[in-house]
Amino acid sequence: MITREIKTTEEFLALLEQDEPLENLAFHNMDLSEISDLILKSGVRDSLFLGCILGDSAVCSLQDKNYI
């Protein structure tokens, strides 16, 4: 179940600072290529990346625990 939609990269970065679990998030039509490595390190899981641009290695790693 998706519980929060992330609309900007700034919103995601602010969420990282809150030290909360990064799960059940929705990213829609965002260019996340510049923060792909950060997304991988953050441990995002059970989240939806719909129409997003990600680095190739990020797609491979994220698809195990997320919906791409």
N, C-alpha and C. Protein backbone atom coordinates (compact mmCIF):
# COMPACT_ATOMS: atom_id res chain seq x y z
N MET A 1 0.83 -1.17 0.00
CA MET A 1 0.00 0.00 0.00
C MET A 1 0.89 1.25 0.00
N ILE A 2 0.68 2.12 -0.98
CA ILE A 2 1.44 3.36 -1.07
C ILE A 2 0.86 4.35 -0.07
N THR A 3 1.74 4.92 0.75
CA THR A 3 1.27 5.83 1.79
C THR A 3 1.69 7.28 1.57
N ARG A 4 2.66 7.51 0.66
CA ARG A 4 3.12 8.89 0.46
C ARG A 4 3.64 9.07 -0.96
N GLU A 5 3.21 10.15 -1.60
CA GLU A 5 3.72 10.49 -2.93
C GLU A 5 4.83 11.52 -2.79
N ILE A 6 5.95 11.23 -3.43
CA ILE A 6 7.08 12.15 -3.46
C ILE A 6 7.01 12.90 -4.78
N LYS A 7 6.92 14.23 -4.73
CA LYS A 7 6.72 15.02 -5.94
C LYS A 7 7.97 15.71 -6.44
N THR A 8 8.98 15.88 -5.58
CA THR A 8 10.21 16.54 -5.98
C THR A 8 11.41 15.84 -5.35
N THR A 9 12.57 16.04 -5.93
CA THR A 9 13.78 15.46 -5.33
C THR A 9 14.06 16.11 -3.99
N GLU A 10 13.72 17.38 -3.86
CA GLU A 10 13.92 18.08 -2.59
C GLU A 10 13.08 17.45 -1.48
N GLU A 11 11.86 17.04 -1.83
CA GLU A 11 10.99 16.39 -0.85
C GLU A 11 11.59 15.06 -0.40
N PHE A 12 12.18 14.31 -1.34
CA PHE A 12 12.83 13.05 -0.98
C PHE A 12 14.04 13.30 -0.08
N LEU A 13 14.85 14.31 -0.42
CA LEU A 13 16.02 14.62 0.39
C LEU A 13 15.61 15.03 1.81
N ALA A 14 14.54 15.77 1.94
CA ALA A 14 14.04 16.16 3.26
C ALA A 14 13.57 14.94 4.05
N LEU A 15 12.96 13.99 3.35
CA LEU A 15 12.51 12.76 4.00
C LEU A 15 13.69 11.95 4.52
N LEU A 16 14.78 11.96 3.78
CA LEU A 16 15.99 11.26 4.23
C LEU A 16 16.49 11.80 5.56
N GLU A 17 16.39 13.10 5.74
CA GLU A 17 16.88 13.73 6.97
C GLU A 17 16.03 13.39 8.18
N GLN A 18 14.79 12.94 7.96
CA GLN A 18 13.89 12.63 9.06
C GLN A 18 14.17 11.27 9.70
N ASP A 19 15.02 10.49 9.07
CA ASP A 19 15.41 9.19 9.62
C ASP A 19 14.21 8.27 9.87
N GLU A 20 13.26 8.29 8.93
CA GLU A 20 12.11 7.39 8.99
C GLU A 20 12.30 6.28 7.97
N PRO A 21 11.60 5.17 8.13
CA PRO A 21 11.70 4.10 7.13
C PRO A 21 11.22 4.61 5.76
N LEU A 22 11.95 4.28 4.74
CA LEU A 22 11.61 4.71 3.38
C LEU A 22 10.91 3.57 2.67
N GLU A 23 9.63 3.46 2.92
CA GLU A 23 8.85 2.39 2.31
C GLU A 23 7.46 2.91 1.94
N ASN A 24 6.87 2.23 0.97
CA ASN A 24 5.51 2.57 0.51
C ASN A 24 5.42 3.98 -0.04
N LEU A 25 6.46 4.40 -0.78
CA LEU A 25 6.48 5.72 -1.40
C LEU A 25 6.10 5.59 -2.87
N ALA A 26 5.63 6.68 -3.45
CA ALA A 26 5.31 6.71 -4.87
C ALA A 26 6.06 7.87 -5.53
N PHE A 27 6.81 7.54 -6.58
CA PHE A 27 7.52 8.52 -7.39
C PHE A 27 6.90 8.44 -8.78
N HIS A 28 6.49 9.57 -9.35
CA HIS A 28 5.78 9.55 -10.62
C HIS A 28 6.39 10.56 -11.59
N ASN A 29 6.83 10.06 -12.75
CA ASN A 29 7.39 10.91 -13.82
C ASN A 29 8.46 11.87 -13.33
N MET A 30 9.42 11.35 -12.58
CA MET A 30 10.51 12.18 -12.07
C MET A 30 11.83 11.74 -12.68
N ASP A 31 12.72 12.71 -12.91
CA ASP A 31 14.08 12.40 -13.33
C ASP A 31 14.92 12.23 -12.07
N LEU A 32 15.17 10.99 -11.71
CA LEU A 32 15.92 10.67 -10.49
C LEU A 32 17.35 10.25 -10.79
N SER A 33 17.78 10.46 -12.01
CA SER A 33 19.09 9.98 -12.44
C SER A 33 20.24 10.60 -11.62
N GLU A 34 20.09 11.85 -11.21
CA GLU A 34 21.16 12.51 -10.46
C GLU A 34 21.25 12.01 -9.01
N ILE A 35 20.17 11.44 -8.49
CA ILE A 35 20.21 10.95 -7.11
C ILE A 35 20.00 9.44 -7.02
N SER A 36 20.22 8.75 -8.13
CA SER A 36 20.04 7.29 -8.15
C SER A 36 20.89 6.59 -7.10
N ASP A 37 22.15 6.98 -6.98
CA ASP A 37 23.03 6.35 -5.98
C ASP A 37 22.52 6.58 -4.56
N LEU A 38 22.05 7.78 -4.31
CA LEU A 38 21.51 8.11 -2.99
C LEU A 38 20.25 7.29 -2.69
N ILE A 39 19.42 7.10 -3.70
CA ILE A 39 18.22 6.28 -3.52
C ILE A 39 18.61 4.85 -3.16
N LEU A 40 19.62 4.32 -3.84
CA LEU A 40 20.07 2.96 -3.54
C LEU A 40 20.59 2.84 -2.12
N LYS A 41 21.37 3.81 -1.68
CA LYS A 41 21.94 3.77 -0.34
C LYS A 41 20.90 3.97 0.75
N SER A 42 19.77 4.58 0.40
CA SER A 42 18.75 4.91 1.39
C SER A 42 17.93 3.70 1.84
N GLY A 43 17.94 2.64 1.06
CA GLY A 43 17.18 1.45 1.43
C GLY A 43 15.70 1.54 1.12
N VAL A 44 15.31 2.32 0.12
CA VAL A 44 13.90 2.43 -0.27
C VAL A 44 13.37 1.04 -0.62
N ARG A 45 12.16 0.72 -0.12
CA ARG A 45 11.58 -0.57 -0.45
C ARG A 45 10.05 -0.47 -0.48
N ASP A 46 9.46 -1.41 -1.17
CA ASP A 46 8.01 -1.47 -1.33
C ASP A 46 7.45 -0.15 -1.88
N SER A 47 8.21 0.47 -2.77
CA SER A 47 7.82 1.75 -3.34
C SER A 47 7.62 1.65 -4.84
N LEU A 48 6.91 2.62 -5.39
CA LEU A 48 6.54 2.63 -6.79
C LEU A 48 7.31 3.73 -7.52
N PHE A 49 7.98 3.34 -8.60
CA PHE A 49 8.69 4.28 -9.46
C PHE A 49 8.02 4.20 -10.84
N LEU A 50 7.03 5.05 -11.07
CA LEU A 50 6.23 4.98 -12.29
C LEU A 50 6.66 6.09 -13.26
N GLY A 51 7.21 5.70 -14.39
CA GLY A 51 7.64 6.66 -15.40
C GLY A 51 8.84 7.48 -15.00
N CYS A 52 9.64 6.99 -14.07
CA CYS A 52 10.81 7.73 -13.59
C CYS A 52 12.05 7.38 -14.40
N ILE A 53 12.96 8.33 -14.46
CA ILE A 53 14.25 8.11 -15.11
C ILE A 53 15.25 7.80 -13.99
N LEU A 54 15.87 6.64 -14.10
CA LEU A 54 16.86 6.19 -13.12
C LEU A 54 18.08 5.67 -13.86
N GLY A 55 19.22 5.65 -13.21
CA GLY A 55 20.40 5.04 -13.79
C GLY A 55 20.18 3.54 -13.95
N ASP A 56 20.86 2.94 -14.93
CA ASP A 56 20.68 1.51 -15.21
C ASP A 56 20.96 0.63 -14.00
N SER A 57 22.02 0.93 -13.28
CA SER A 57 22.35 0.10 -12.11
C SER A 57 21.29 0.26 -11.02
N ALA A 58 20.70 1.45 -10.92
CA ALA A 58 19.65 1.66 -9.93
C ALA A 58 18.42 0.83 -10.25
N VAL A 59 18.06 0.77 -11.52
CA VAL A 59 16.89 -0.02 -11.93
C VAL A 59 17.10 -1.48 -11.55
N CYS A 60 18.27 -2.00 -11.86
CA CYS A 60 18.56 -3.40 -11.56
C CYS A 60 18.49 -3.68 -10.06
N SER A 61 19.01 -2.78 -9.26
CA SER A 61 19.03 -2.99 -7.82
C SER A 61 17.67 -2.75 -7.17
N LEU A 62 16.95 -1.75 -7.63
CA LEU A 62 15.68 -1.39 -7.00
C LEU A 62 14.56 -2.37 -7.32
N GLN A 63 14.63 -3.03 -8.46
CA GLN A 63 13.51 -3.87 -8.87
C GLN A 63 13.28 -5.08 -7.99
N ASP A 64 14.25 -5.45 -7.17
CA ASP A 64 14.06 -6.58 -6.26
C ASP A 64 13.06 -6.27 -5.14
N LYS A 65 13.05 -5.04 -4.64
CA LYS A 65 12.22 -4.70 -3.48
C LYS A 65 11.24 -3.57 -3.75
N ASN A 66 11.09 -3.20 -5.02
CA ASN A 66 10.22 -2.09 -5.38
C ASN A 66 9.47 -2.42 -6.66
N TYR A 67 8.63 -1.51 -7.10
CA TYR A 67 7.85 -1.66 -8.32
C TYR A 67 8.31 -0.60 -9.31
N ILE A 68 8.87 -1.08 -10.42
CA ILE A 68 9.43 -0.16 -11.43
C ILE A 68 8.74 -0.41 -12.76
